[in-house]
């Protein structure tokens, strides 16, 4: 039985038969009665397991290249990575070239070809003497403990999990949530951060998790996303944020919650087989350049100097205890990523361009956008259509505001999976479904945000997030170019109907303008299902 994410609240699909439902309810009751799951998390001596990031040093190759590439003190350098194949290769290159440390933090590392390939690269670095600290959210680890325990069984590797499930660890997400039903207030909060830091000198930040569909390796679907490769002044701050999580109260060593009878030697042997070439083929070769004209990062690293866009930047992350301190749908904490992003957006004088796969502004967000429009700020938002989203109920939360947004003068664009397959990108989605996953802002074409935060209530008050604000016209110009590729070639422009009732979707093809009156690319069943499910989850949980 697989989960259906009602606003990412992880409610189960209705089983096909009454018997299956009865068995599930009985199993949940037995688990709740006999495990006492809410009290099963172990006590941890936090001081005994605390550690800190290793500072960058020009004694390492990466540290030396980063230092020699810096044009002047205090600046940070960035290279945007809109192409998943290049973004994956950059992670692998950093893992292969690291000499001192790898600090890696992700919401999801899948047990698929991409996830195992990255984990093996981390293991290989540890065998060279590199200290590896891997921190993952516990949501997607169900049934995969042995893979991560196998990595942790190697010298120089530590694996920790955020806000772990204590019960049903071999089961899928639905079963684990049901087994924790009396602990819902805790397990509903997740760590959505994504960060990869090598030798304290080079980092990757953005929206991508570690799974096939984020790097154009998915058979059925692939995500459009953007990461940023970073060096310079911003990287030590990223290390500090990683340490705050690594040593946080919601973090547990994986071995303290995931148990096995296998010895360390057996775990290492299993890991070696599971991540070996028979089950984990390497990614395909890269083209000579990505869509921005950049070569693979390996070319720059081999040459000893990085070609980057430079500017000032600051990075911020939600406090790891944020989701446990604030109320669901409550007031924004001033330390939250959402608050800081909105503070930057509020300073806009002319234009704001945003990309968010999930866009549920709510009443407060609508008032914020109205204030921007009242000051004459042009607002453009790119999001998923009903057909391209992987969260139909969240899309319903957004659709409630579409007409009001259009009346306000906000320009809305929705990604079309059909148009995406036919655009002129220098790579193909083939028969897979393309979905928007990039979380981006560009303010007055000079200030940019790249990170993990969506424009929805879950990012605001339920999950933790991470992001960077970059003051660089060059970075802003490249982000606008990336967004425009999708906005102009792969999306529908949403407009008010000519008669003033309802909305329409507009696109241009070889024969001219095409105007649609129903949700494009969607079946009647999908539209009905979205309508049927929309009342089931409060908006603050979307």
Protein backbone atom coordinates (compact mmCIF):
# COMPACT_ATOMS: atom_id res chain seq x y z
CA UNK A 1 0.00 0.00 0.00
CA UNK A 2 1.48 3.33 -1.02
CA UNK A 3 0.87 6.72 0.59
CA UNK A 4 -1.08 9.58 -0.88
CA UNK A 5 0.21 12.96 0.21
CA UNK A 6 -2.78 15.09 1.11
CA UNK A 7 -0.96 18.39 1.31
CA UNK A 8 2.10 16.40 2.34
CA UNK A 9 0.26 15.25 5.44
CA UNK A 10 0.90 11.63 4.55
CA UNK A 11 -2.57 10.11 4.80
CA UNK A 12 -2.95 6.55 3.49
CA UNK A 13 -4.78 5.52 0.39
CA UNK A 14 -7.96 3.58 1.02
CA UNK A 15 -7.10 -0.13 0.71
CA UNK A 16 -8.70 -2.00 -2.15
CA UNK A 17 -10.69 -4.31 0.06
CA UNK A 18 -12.47 -4.05 3.40
CA UNK A 19 -10.41 -7.01 4.61
CA UNK A 20 -7.18 -5.17 3.90
CA UNK A 21 -8.52 -2.13 5.75
CA UNK A 22 -9.50 -4.26 8.73
CA UNK A 23 -6.05 -5.84 8.85
CA UNK A 24 -4.41 -2.42 8.71
CA UNK A 25 -6.56 -1.04 11.53
CA UNK A 26 -5.88 -4.12 13.66
CA UNK A 27 -2.14 -3.82 13.05
CA UNK A 28 -2.16 -0.12 13.99
CA UNK A 29 -4.12 -0.80 17.16
CA UNK A 30 -1.75 -3.56 18.20
CA UNK A 31 1.28 -1.37 17.59
CA UNK A 32 -0.27 1.52 19.52
CA UNK A 33 -1.27 -0.75 22.40
CA UNK A 34 1.97 -2.63 22.85
CA UNK A 35 4.81 -0.37 21.71
CA UNK A 36 4.17 2.92 23.46
CA UNK A 37 5.82 4.52 20.45
CA UNK A 38 5.72 8.11 21.68
CA UNK A 39 8.07 7.27 24.55
CA UNK A 40 10.48 4.98 22.73
CA UNK A 41 13.11 7.44 21.44
CA UNK A 42 16.42 6.85 23.24
CA UNK A 43 18.15 9.24 25.60
CA UNK A 44 21.26 10.69 23.97
CA UNK A 45 24.32 12.22 25.64
CA UNK A 46 24.51 15.21 23.30
CA UNK A 47 27.85 16.48 24.58
CA UNK A 48 29.48 13.10 24.03
CA UNK A 49 28.54 12.99 20.34
CA UNK A 50 28.91 16.69 19.48
CA UNK A 51 31.28 17.68 16.69
CA UNK A 52 32.09 20.76 14.64
CA UNK A 53 32.86 21.49 11.02
CA UNK A 54 36.44 21.43 9.82
CA UNK A 55 37.46 24.86 8.57
CA UNK A 56 38.64 25.37 5.02
CA UNK A 57 42.38 25.22 4.49
CA UNK A 58 44.62 25.87 1.51
CA UNK A 59 46.34 22.62 2.46
CA UNK A 60 43.49 20.86 0.65
CA UNK A 61 43.14 21.10 -3.12
CA UNK A 62 39.56 22.37 -2.95
CA UNK A 63 40.49 24.92 -0.30
CA UNK A 64 43.41 26.18 -2.37
CA UNK A 65 41.34 26.50 -5.55
CA UNK A 66 38.58 28.34 -3.70
CA UNK A 67 41.06 30.78 -2.16
CA UNK A 68 42.89 31.43 -5.42
CA UNK A 69 39.60 31.99 -7.27
CA UNK A 70 38.40 34.66 -4.80
CA UNK A 71 38.75 38.13 -6.42
CA UNK A 72 38.63 39.99 -3.09
CA UNK A 73 37.86 39.20 0.57
CA UNK A 74 34.25 39.11 1.71
CA UNK A 75 32.75 38.01 -1.59
CA UNK A 76 30.95 34.79 -2.43
CA UNK A 77 31.00 33.08 -5.81
CA UNK A 78 28.14 31.15 -7.41
CA UNK A 79 27.42 28.97 -10.41
CA UNK A 80 23.79 28.10 -11.03
CA UNK A 81 23.09 24.50 -12.03
CA UNK A 82 19.71 24.19 -13.80
CA UNK A 83 20.63 20.92 -15.50
CA UNK A 84 20.29 17.93 -13.18
CA UNK A 85 23.06 15.92 -14.83
CA UNK A 86 25.59 18.69 -14.15
CA UNK A 87 24.31 19.15 -10.60
CA UNK A 88 24.74 15.44 -9.82
CA UNK A 89 28.21 15.39 -11.35
CA UNK A 90 29.23 18.36 -9.19
CA UNK A 91 28.28 16.46 -6.04
CA UNK A 92 30.25 13.44 -7.21
CA UNK A 93 33.28 15.56 -8.12
CA UNK A 94 33.33 17.20 -4.69
CA UNK A 95 33.04 13.83 -2.97
CA UNK A 96 35.85 12.39 -5.06
CA UNK A 97 38.18 15.35 -4.52
CA UNK A 98 37.52 16.04 -0.84
CA UNK A 99 40.53 15.54 1.41
CA UNK A 100 39.32 16.59 4.87
CA UNK A 101 35.55 16.59 5.30
CA UNK A 102 32.14 16.13 3.72
CA UNK A 103 29.09 17.52 5.52
CA UNK A 104 25.91 16.39 3.75
CA UNK A 105 22.31 17.23 4.71
CA UNK A 106 19.21 16.12 2.78
CA UNK A 107 15.48 15.64 3.14
CA UNK A 108 15.52 12.55 0.92
CA UNK A 109 18.26 10.20 -0.29
CA UNK A 110 16.60 7.43 -2.26
CA UNK A 111 17.64 3.80 -2.45
CA UNK A 112 17.91 4.03 -6.23
CA UNK A 113 20.75 4.33 -8.74
CA UNK A 114 21.41 7.97 -7.91
CA UNK A 115 21.12 7.66 -4.15
CA UNK A 116 23.33 4.60 -3.96
CA UNK A 117 25.90 6.15 -6.30
CA UNK A 118 26.21 9.24 -4.09
CA UNK A 119 26.37 7.14 -0.92
CA UNK A 120 29.14 5.02 -2.43
CA UNK A 121 31.06 8.19 -3.32
CA UNK A 122 30.78 9.25 0.32
CA UNK A 123 31.99 5.81 1.43
CA UNK A 124 34.95 5.98 -0.94
CA UNK A 125 35.89 9.38 0.47
CA UNK A 126 35.78 7.95 3.99
CA UNK A 127 38.12 5.14 2.93
CA UNK A 128 40.59 7.85 1.89
CA UNK A 129 40.43 9.31 5.41
CA UNK A 130 37.82 12.02 4.78
CA UNK A 131 35.47 12.65 7.71
CA UNK A 132 31.89 12.14 6.46
CA UNK A 133 28.88 13.45 8.39
CA UNK A 134 25.55 12.57 6.77
CA UNK A 135 22.32 14.03 8.14
CA UNK A 136 19.00 12.98 6.61
CA UNK A 137 15.37 13.48 7.48
CA UNK A 138 13.82 10.21 8.64
CA UNK A 139 10.69 10.40 6.47
CA UNK A 140 11.96 8.41 3.49
CA UNK A 141 14.26 5.94 5.29
CA UNK A 142 11.49 3.38 5.86
CA UNK A 143 12.72 -0.07 4.84
CA UNK A 144 16.18 1.25 4.00
CA UNK A 145 17.91 1.30 7.38
CA UNK A 146 20.41 -1.38 6.38
CA UNK A 147 21.67 0.72 3.47
CA UNK A 148 22.43 3.69 5.71
CA UNK A 149 23.70 1.50 8.55
CA UNK A 150 26.05 -0.07 6.03
CA UNK A 151 27.50 3.34 5.25
CA UNK A 152 27.72 4.20 8.95
CA UNK A 153 29.60 0.95 9.61
CA UNK A 154 32.65 2.38 7.82
CA UNK A 155 35.44 4.21 9.61
CA UNK A 156 35.25 8.02 9.37
CA UNK A 157 31.46 7.98 8.71
CA UNK A 158 28.65 9.15 10.96
CA UNK A 159 24.98 9.02 9.93
CA UNK A 160 22.28 10.86 11.87
CA UNK A 161 18.54 11.32 11.30
CA UNK A 162 16.21 14.22 12.01
CA UNK A 163 13.11 13.59 14.15
CA UNK A 164 13.12 9.80 13.76
CA UNK A 165 10.24 7.35 13.79
CA UNK A 166 10.68 4.90 16.60
CA UNK A 167 8.33 2.20 15.27
CA UNK A 168 7.64 0.23 12.09
CA UNK A 169 11.04 1.20 10.70
CA UNK A 170 10.95 -1.57 8.10
CA UNK A 171 7.58 -0.34 6.81
CA UNK A 172 6.64 2.38 4.35
CA UNK A 173 5.66 5.93 5.26
CA UNK A 174 1.97 5.18 5.71
CA UNK A 175 2.59 2.38 8.18
CA UNK A 176 5.15 4.39 10.13
CA UNK A 177 2.81 7.38 10.46
CA UNK A 178 -0.03 5.12 11.56
CA UNK A 179 2.22 3.43 14.09
CA UNK A 180 3.05 6.91 15.43
CA UNK A 181 -0.54 8.13 15.47
CA UNK A 182 -0.28 9.07 19.16
CA UNK A 183 2.89 11.02 18.36
CA UNK A 184 1.48 12.93 15.36
CA UNK A 185 2.34 16.36 16.72
CA UNK A 186 6.01 15.45 16.58
CA UNK A 187 6.43 13.28 13.46
CA UNK A 188 4.52 15.66 11.19
CA UNK A 189 7.49 18.06 11.36
CA UNK A 190 10.26 17.35 8.83
CA UNK A 191 13.68 18.72 7.85
CA UNK A 192 13.45 19.91 4.23
CA UNK A 193 17.02 21.33 4.03
CA UNK A 194 19.48 20.43 1.26
CA UNK A 195 23.22 21.13 1.66
CA UNK A 196 26.51 19.59 0.52
CA UNK A 197 29.81 21.03 1.83
CA UNK A 198 33.26 19.72 0.84
CA UNK A 199 36.44 20.55 2.79
CA UNK A 200 34.73 23.64 4.20
CA UNK A 201 35.56 25.34 0.91
CA UNK A 202 32.90 24.49 -1.66
CA UNK A 203 29.18 23.86 -1.29
CA UNK A 204 25.96 23.05 -3.14
CA UNK A 205 22.66 24.55 -1.99
CA UNK A 206 19.24 24.46 -3.61
CA UNK A 207 16.09 22.43 -4.02
CA UNK A 208 17.26 19.02 -5.22
CA UNK A 209 17.11 15.88 -3.12
CA UNK A 210 19.20 12.82 -4.02
CA UNK A 211 17.03 10.58 -6.19
CA UNK A 212 16.77 9.68 -9.88
CA UNK A 213 13.95 12.09 -10.67
CA UNK A 214 15.99 15.14 -9.62
CA UNK A 215 18.79 14.39 -12.08
CA UNK A 216 16.93 13.40 -15.25
CA UNK A 217 17.27 9.69 -14.49
CA UNK A 218 13.63 9.01 -13.62
CA UNK A 219 11.67 6.63 -15.84
CA UNK A 220 8.20 8.05 -15.15
CA UNK A 221 8.85 11.61 -13.95
CA UNK A 222 11.62 14.18 -13.64
CA UNK A 223 11.83 17.49 -11.80
CA UNK A 224 12.87 20.89 -13.11
CA UNK A 225 15.06 22.40 -10.41
CA UNK A 226 18.04 24.67 -9.77
CA UNK A 227 21.01 24.32 -7.41
CA UNK A 228 23.84 26.76 -6.76
CA UNK A 229 27.49 25.82 -6.45
CA UNK A 230 29.08 28.21 -3.94
CA UNK A 231 32.48 29.26 -2.62
CA UNK A 232 33.80 32.16 -0.59
CA UNK A 233 32.45 34.07 2.39
CA UNK A 234 29.09 32.26 2.51
CA UNK A 235 30.50 28.74 3.00
CA UNK A 236 31.64 29.06 6.66
CA UNK A 237 28.12 30.27 7.50
CA UNK A 238 26.74 27.14 5.82
CA UNK A 239 29.05 25.05 7.98
CA UNK A 240 27.76 26.79 11.09
CA UNK A 241 24.17 26.07 10.12
CA UNK A 242 25.01 22.43 9.47
CA UNK A 243 26.60 22.15 12.93
CA UNK A 244 23.51 23.65 14.56
CA UNK A 245 21.46 20.82 13.09
CA UNK A 246 24.06 18.10 13.57
CA UNK A 247 24.21 18.81 17.31
CA UNK A 248 20.49 19.61 17.70
CA UNK A 249 18.03 17.98 20.07
CA UNK A 250 15.91 16.57 17.21
CA UNK A 251 18.91 14.71 15.75
CA UNK A 252 19.68 11.07 16.61
CA UNK A 253 22.49 8.76 15.53
CA UNK A 254 20.89 6.30 13.13
CA UNK A 255 22.20 3.32 15.10
CA UNK A 256 20.33 4.52 18.20
CA UNK A 257 16.94 4.05 16.53
CA UNK A 258 17.63 1.51 13.75
CA UNK A 259 18.55 -1.91 15.05
CA UNK A 260 20.00 -4.94 13.29
CA UNK A 261 21.56 -8.28 14.21
CA UNK A 262 24.18 -7.89 11.47
CA UNK A 263 27.76 -7.17 12.48
CA UNK A 264 29.66 -4.13 11.21
CA UNK A 265 31.60 -6.37 8.85
CA UNK A 266 28.40 -7.85 7.44
CA UNK A 267 26.89 -4.40 6.99
CA UNK A 268 29.96 -3.17 5.11
CA UNK A 269 29.91 -6.21 2.84
CA UNK A 270 26.21 -5.74 2.11
CA UNK A 271 26.73 -2.03 1.39
CA UNK A 272 29.52 -2.87 -1.04
CA UNK A 273 27.25 -5.26 -2.96
CA UNK A 274 24.18 -3.00 -2.82
CA UNK A 275 26.08 -0.01 -4.21
CA UNK A 276 28.25 -1.97 -6.63
CA UNK A 277 28.20 -1.64 -10.43
CA UNK A 278 25.66 -4.44 -10.95
CA UNK A 279 22.91 -2.47 -9.20
CA UNK A 280 24.28 1.07 -9.34
CA UNK A 281 25.47 2.11 -12.80
CA UNK A 282 27.22 5.47 -13.14
CA UNK A 283 25.38 8.47 -14.57
CA UNK A 284 25.66 8.98 -18.34
CA UNK A 285 28.44 11.19 -19.72
CA UNK A 286 27.87 14.94 -19.63
CA UNK A 287 27.50 17.18 -22.66
CA UNK A 288 30.21 19.79 -23.15
CA UNK A 289 28.07 22.64 -21.73
CA UNK A 290 24.87 23.18 -19.78
CA UNK A 291 22.04 25.53 -20.81
CA UNK A 292 23.91 28.54 -19.38
CA UNK A 293 27.06 27.66 -21.30
CA UNK A 294 29.07 26.37 -18.34
CA UNK A 295 31.30 23.30 -18.72
CA UNK A 296 31.31 20.51 -16.11
CA UNK A 297 32.78 21.69 -12.81
CA UNK A 298 35.52 19.07 -13.20
CA UNK A 299 37.03 21.18 -16.02
CA UNK A 300 37.43 24.15 -13.67
CA UNK A 301 38.74 22.01 -10.82
CA UNK A 302 41.27 20.36 -13.11
CA UNK A 303 42.38 23.80 -14.30
CA UNK A 304 42.73 25.07 -10.74
CA UNK A 305 40.46 28.11 -11.08
CA UNK A 306 36.69 28.57 -10.92
CA UNK A 307 34.59 30.59 -13.33
CA UNK A 308 31.85 32.06 -11.12
CA UNK A 309 29.58 35.06 -10.63
CA UNK A 310 30.64 37.04 -7.56
CA UNK A 311 28.72 39.16 -5.09
CA UNK A 312 27.71 39.47 -1.47
CA UNK A 313 25.44 36.82 0.03
CA UNK A 314 23.97 35.59 3.26
CA UNK A 315 22.62 32.16 4.08
CA UNK A 316 19.96 31.28 6.64
CA UNK A 317 18.15 28.21 7.91
CA UNK A 318 15.26 27.64 10.24
CA UNK A 319 16.32 26.72 13.75
CA UNK A 320 16.14 22.92 14.02
CA UNK A 321 13.65 23.31 16.87
CA UNK A 322 11.45 25.76 14.89
CA UNK A 323 8.72 23.26 13.93
CA UNK A 324 8.34 22.11 17.52
CA UNK A 325 8.21 25.64 18.95
CA UNK A 326 5.72 27.33 16.61
CA UNK A 327 2.12 26.39 15.98
CA UNK A 328 0.91 24.93 12.69
CA UNK A 329 -0.32 27.87 10.65
CA UNK A 330 0.82 30.28 13.38
CA UNK A 331 2.83 33.47 13.20
CA UNK A 332 6.11 33.41 11.31
CA UNK A 333 9.19 33.29 13.51
CA UNK A 334 11.62 36.11 12.74
CA UNK A 335 14.37 33.50 12.45
CA UNK A 336 12.47 31.48 9.83
CA UNK A 337 13.53 31.21 6.21
CA UNK A 338 10.08 32.32 5.03
CA UNK A 339 10.25 35.46 7.16
CA UNK A 340 13.71 36.38 5.84
CA UNK A 341 12.74 35.76 2.22
CA UNK A 342 9.64 37.92 2.57
CA UNK A 343 11.76 40.63 4.20
CA UNK A 344 13.97 40.65 1.10
CA UNK A 345 10.97 40.61 -1.25
CA UNK A 346 9.34 43.50 0.66
CA UNK A 347 12.26 45.71 -0.38
CA UNK A 348 11.43 45.29 -4.07
CA UNK A 349 11.00 48.55 -5.94
CA UNK A 350 10.11 47.40 -9.45
CA UNK A 351 9.77 43.64 -9.94
CA UNK A 352 9.58 40.27 -8.24
CA UNK A 353 9.83 37.01 -10.20
CA UNK A 354 9.18 33.79 -8.28
CA UNK A 355 9.21 30.07 -9.02
CA UNK A 356 7.59 27.72 -6.52
CA UNK A 357 6.22 24.22 -7.18
CA UNK A 358 3.68 24.70 -4.38
CA UNK A 359 2.07 28.13 -4.09
CA UNK A 360 -0.58 28.64 -1.40
CA UNK A 361 -0.42 32.33 -0.41
CA UNK A 362 -3.18 32.32 2.21
CA UNK A 363 -4.85 35.51 3.42
CA UNK A 364 -1.64 36.96 4.85
CA UNK A 365 0.26 36.22 1.67
CA UNK A 366 -2.46 37.84 -0.40
CA UNK A 367 -2.25 40.98 1.73
CA UNK A 368 1.53 40.98 1.28
CA UNK A 369 1.21 40.68 -2.50
CA UNK A 370 -1.45 43.40 -2.58
CA UNK A 371 0.95 45.71 -0.76
CA UNK A 372 3.59 45.06 -3.43
CA UNK A 373 1.10 45.73 -6.21
CA UNK A 374 -0.14 48.91 -4.50
CA UNK A 375 3.43 50.20 -4.68
CA UNK A 376 3.59 49.41 -8.39
CA UNK A 377 5.82 46.32 -8.07
CA UNK A 378 5.33 43.86 -10.94
CA UNK A 379 4.85 40.32 -9.60
CA UNK A 380 5.30 37.18 -11.72
CA UNK A 381 4.81 33.69 -10.29
CA UNK A 382 5.63 30.38 -11.99
CA UNK A 383 4.13 27.23 -10.45
CA UNK A 384 2.82 23.80 -11.40
CA UNK A 385 -0.40 23.14 -13.23
CA UNK A 386 -2.84 20.56 -11.92
CA UNK A 387 -1.47 18.07 -14.46
CA UNK A 388 2.20 18.63 -13.58
CA UNK A 389 1.98 18.85 -9.79
CA UNK A 390 2.74 15.84 -7.59
CA UNK A 391 0.48 17.31 -4.87
CA UNK A 392 -3.05 17.77 -6.32
CA UNK A 393 -4.56 18.87 -3.01
CA UNK A 394 -1.90 21.57 -2.59
CA UNK A 395 -2.75 22.74 -6.10
CA UNK A 396 -6.37 23.02 -5.02
CA UNK A 397 -5.26 25.25 -2.15
CA UNK A 398 -3.52 27.47 -4.72
CA UNK A 399 -6.42 27.43 -7.18
CA UNK A 400 -8.69 29.08 -4.61
CA UNK A 401 -6.62 32.25 -4.98
CA UNK A 402 -6.06 32.31 -8.76
CA UNK A 403 -8.84 34.68 -9.73
CA UNK A 404 -8.06 37.06 -6.87
CA UNK A 405 -4.37 37.04 -7.84
CA UNK A 406 -5.24 37.86 -11.44
CA UNK A 407 -7.57 40.67 -10.39
CA UNK A 408 -4.71 41.96 -8.27
CA UNK A 409 -2.50 42.11 -11.35
CA UNK A 410 -0.17 39.22 -10.53
CA UNK A 411 1.14 37.44 -13.65
CA UNK A 412 0.59 33.69 -13.25
CA UNK A 413 2.21 30.88 -15.25
CA UNK A 414 1.63 27.15 -14.82
CA UNK A 415 4.02 24.51 -16.10
CA UNK A 416 2.64 22.28 -18.84
CA UNK A 417 4.09 18.78 -18.99
CA UNK A 418 2.88 18.53 -22.59
CA UNK A 419 4.53 21.77 -23.70
CA UNK A 420 7.68 20.85 -21.76
CA UNK A 421 8.22 17.77 -23.91
CA UNK A 422 8.04 19.85 -27.07
CA UNK A 423 10.22 22.81 -26.10
CA UNK A 424 13.70 23.56 -27.38
CA UNK A 425 15.71 22.67 -24.31
CA UNK A 426 19.09 21.05 -24.99
CA UNK A 427 17.93 17.95 -23.13
CA UNK A 428 14.81 15.80 -23.34
CA UNK A 429 12.34 14.52 -20.79
CA UNK A 430 11.42 11.76 -23.21
CA UNK A 431 8.21 10.03 -22.18
CA UNK A 432 8.58 11.03 -18.52
CA UNK A 433 6.38 13.61 -16.82
CA UNK A 434 8.08 16.92 -16.13
CA UNK A 435 7.30 18.67 -12.84
CA UNK A 436 8.46 22.03 -11.49
CA UNK A 437 10.50 21.79 -8.27
CA UNK A 438 12.65 24.96 -8.31
CA UNK A 439 12.25 27.42 -5.42
CA UNK A 440 13.57 30.75 -6.71
CA UNK A 441 13.08 34.50 -6.29
CA UNK A 442 14.56 37.36 -8.29
CA UNK A 443 14.09 40.86 -6.87
CA UNK A 444 14.62 43.94 -9.08
CA UNK A 445 16.92 41.84 -11.26
CA UNK A 446 19.78 42.18 -8.82
CA UNK A 447 18.92 40.11 -5.71
CA UNK A 448 18.15 36.36 -5.84
CA UNK A 449 17.05 33.57 -3.53
CA UNK A 450 17.92 29.92 -4.10
CA UNK A 451 16.91 27.30 -1.56
CA UNK A 452 14.47 24.67 -0.31
CA UNK A 453 11.53 26.89 0.71
CA UNK A 454 8.16 26.66 -1.01
CA UNK A 455 5.55 29.42 -0.91
CA UNK A 456 3.15 27.47 1.28
CA UNK A 457 2.13 27.04 4.93
CA UNK A 458 4.16 23.86 5.40
CA UNK A 459 7.44 25.61 4.62
CA UNK A 460 6.40 28.56 6.75
CA UNK A 461 5.59 26.82 10.04
CA UNK A 462 5.83 23.01 9.83
CA UNK A 463 9.10 22.05 8.12
CA UNK A 464 12.61 23.44 8.40
CA UNK A 465 14.16 25.08 5.34
CA UNK A 466 17.48 26.46 4.08
CA UNK A 467 18.38 29.10 1.52
CA UNK A 468 20.75 31.81 0.34
CA UNK A 469 20.11 35.40 -0.74
CA UNK A 470 22.59 36.61 -3.35
CA UNK A 471 23.24 40.24 -4.29
CA UNK A 472 24.58 39.86 -7.83
CA UNK A 473 23.01 41.22 -11.03
CA UNK A 474 24.82 38.48 -12.95
CA UNK A 475 23.24 35.69 -10.88
CA UNK A 476 19.85 37.41 -11.12
CA UNK A 477 20.14 37.67 -14.89
CA UNK A 478 20.90 33.95 -15.20
CA UNK A 479 18.01 33.02 -12.91
CA UNK A 480 15.61 35.10 -15.00
CA UNK A 481 16.91 33.33 -18.09
CA UNK A 482 16.30 29.92 -16.48
CA UNK A 483 12.77 30.83 -15.37
CA UNK A 484 11.97 32.33 -18.78
CA UNK A 485 12.91 29.12 -20.57
CA UNK A 486 10.10 27.39 -18.70
CA UNK A 487 7.73 30.36 -18.58
CA UNK A 488 7.84 31.10 -22.30
CA UNK A 489 8.41 27.65 -23.78
CA UNK A 490 6.87 25.20 -21.30
CA UNK A 491 4.03 26.95 -19.48
CA UNK A 492 0.53 28.32 -19.86
CA UNK A 493 -0.16 31.94 -19.02
CA UNK A 494 -3.23 32.14 -16.80
CA UNK A 495 -5.66 34.97 -17.47
CA UNK A 496 -9.16 36.08 -16.53
CA UNK A 497 -11.81 34.99 -18.99
CA UNK A 498 -12.96 37.66 -21.40
CA UNK A 499 -16.48 37.63 -19.93
CA UNK A 500 -15.05 38.20 -16.46
CA UNK A 501 -16.20 34.81 -15.17
CA UNK A 502 -13.57 32.15 -14.50
CA UNK A 503 -10.05 31.83 -15.88
CA UNK A 504 -8.34 30.66 -19.05
CA UNK A 505 -4.97 29.17 -19.99
CA UNK A 506 -3.11 30.66 -22.94
CA UNK A 507 -0.17 29.32 -24.94
CA UNK A 508 1.44 29.92 -28.31
CA UNK A 509 2.12 27.16 -30.81
CA UNK A 510 3.01 27.08 -34.50
CA UNK A 511 -0.53 28.03 -35.43
CA UNK A 512 -0.77 30.99 -33.06
CA UNK A 513 -2.46 31.61 -29.72
CA UNK A 514 -4.32 28.72 -28.07
CA UNK A 515 -6.88 29.49 -25.34
CA UNK A 516 -8.23 26.77 -23.04
CA UNK A 517 -11.16 27.01 -20.64
CA UNK A 518 -10.39 23.94 -18.51
CA UNK A 519 -7.29 22.82 -16.57
CA UNK A 520 -4.84 21.91 -19.37
CA UNK A 521 -3.40 18.40 -19.82
CA UNK A 522 -5.68 17.08 -17.05
CA UNK A 523 -8.28 14.34 -17.24
CA UNK A 524 -11.85 14.71 -15.92
CA UNK A 525 -10.98 12.13 -13.26
CA UNK A 526 -7.99 14.17 -12.06
CA UNK A 527 -10.10 17.31 -11.85
CA UNK A 528 -12.86 15.48 -9.99
CA UNK A 529 -10.41 13.86 -7.58
CA UNK A 530 -8.79 17.21 -6.84
CA UNK A 531 -12.18 18.75 -6.12
CA UNK A 532 -13.24 15.78 -3.97
CA UNK A 533 -10.12 15.78 -1.80
CA UNK A 534 -9.75 19.53 -1.34
CA UNK A 535 -11.89 19.85 1.84
CA UNK A 536 -10.11 17.04 3.68
CA UNK A 537 -7.01 18.93 4.85
CA UNK A 538 -6.93 22.38 6.47
CA UNK A 539 -5.08 24.99 4.41
CA UNK A 540 -2.46 25.54 7.12
CA UNK A 541 -1.25 21.96 6.57
CA UNK A 542 -0.77 22.33 2.79
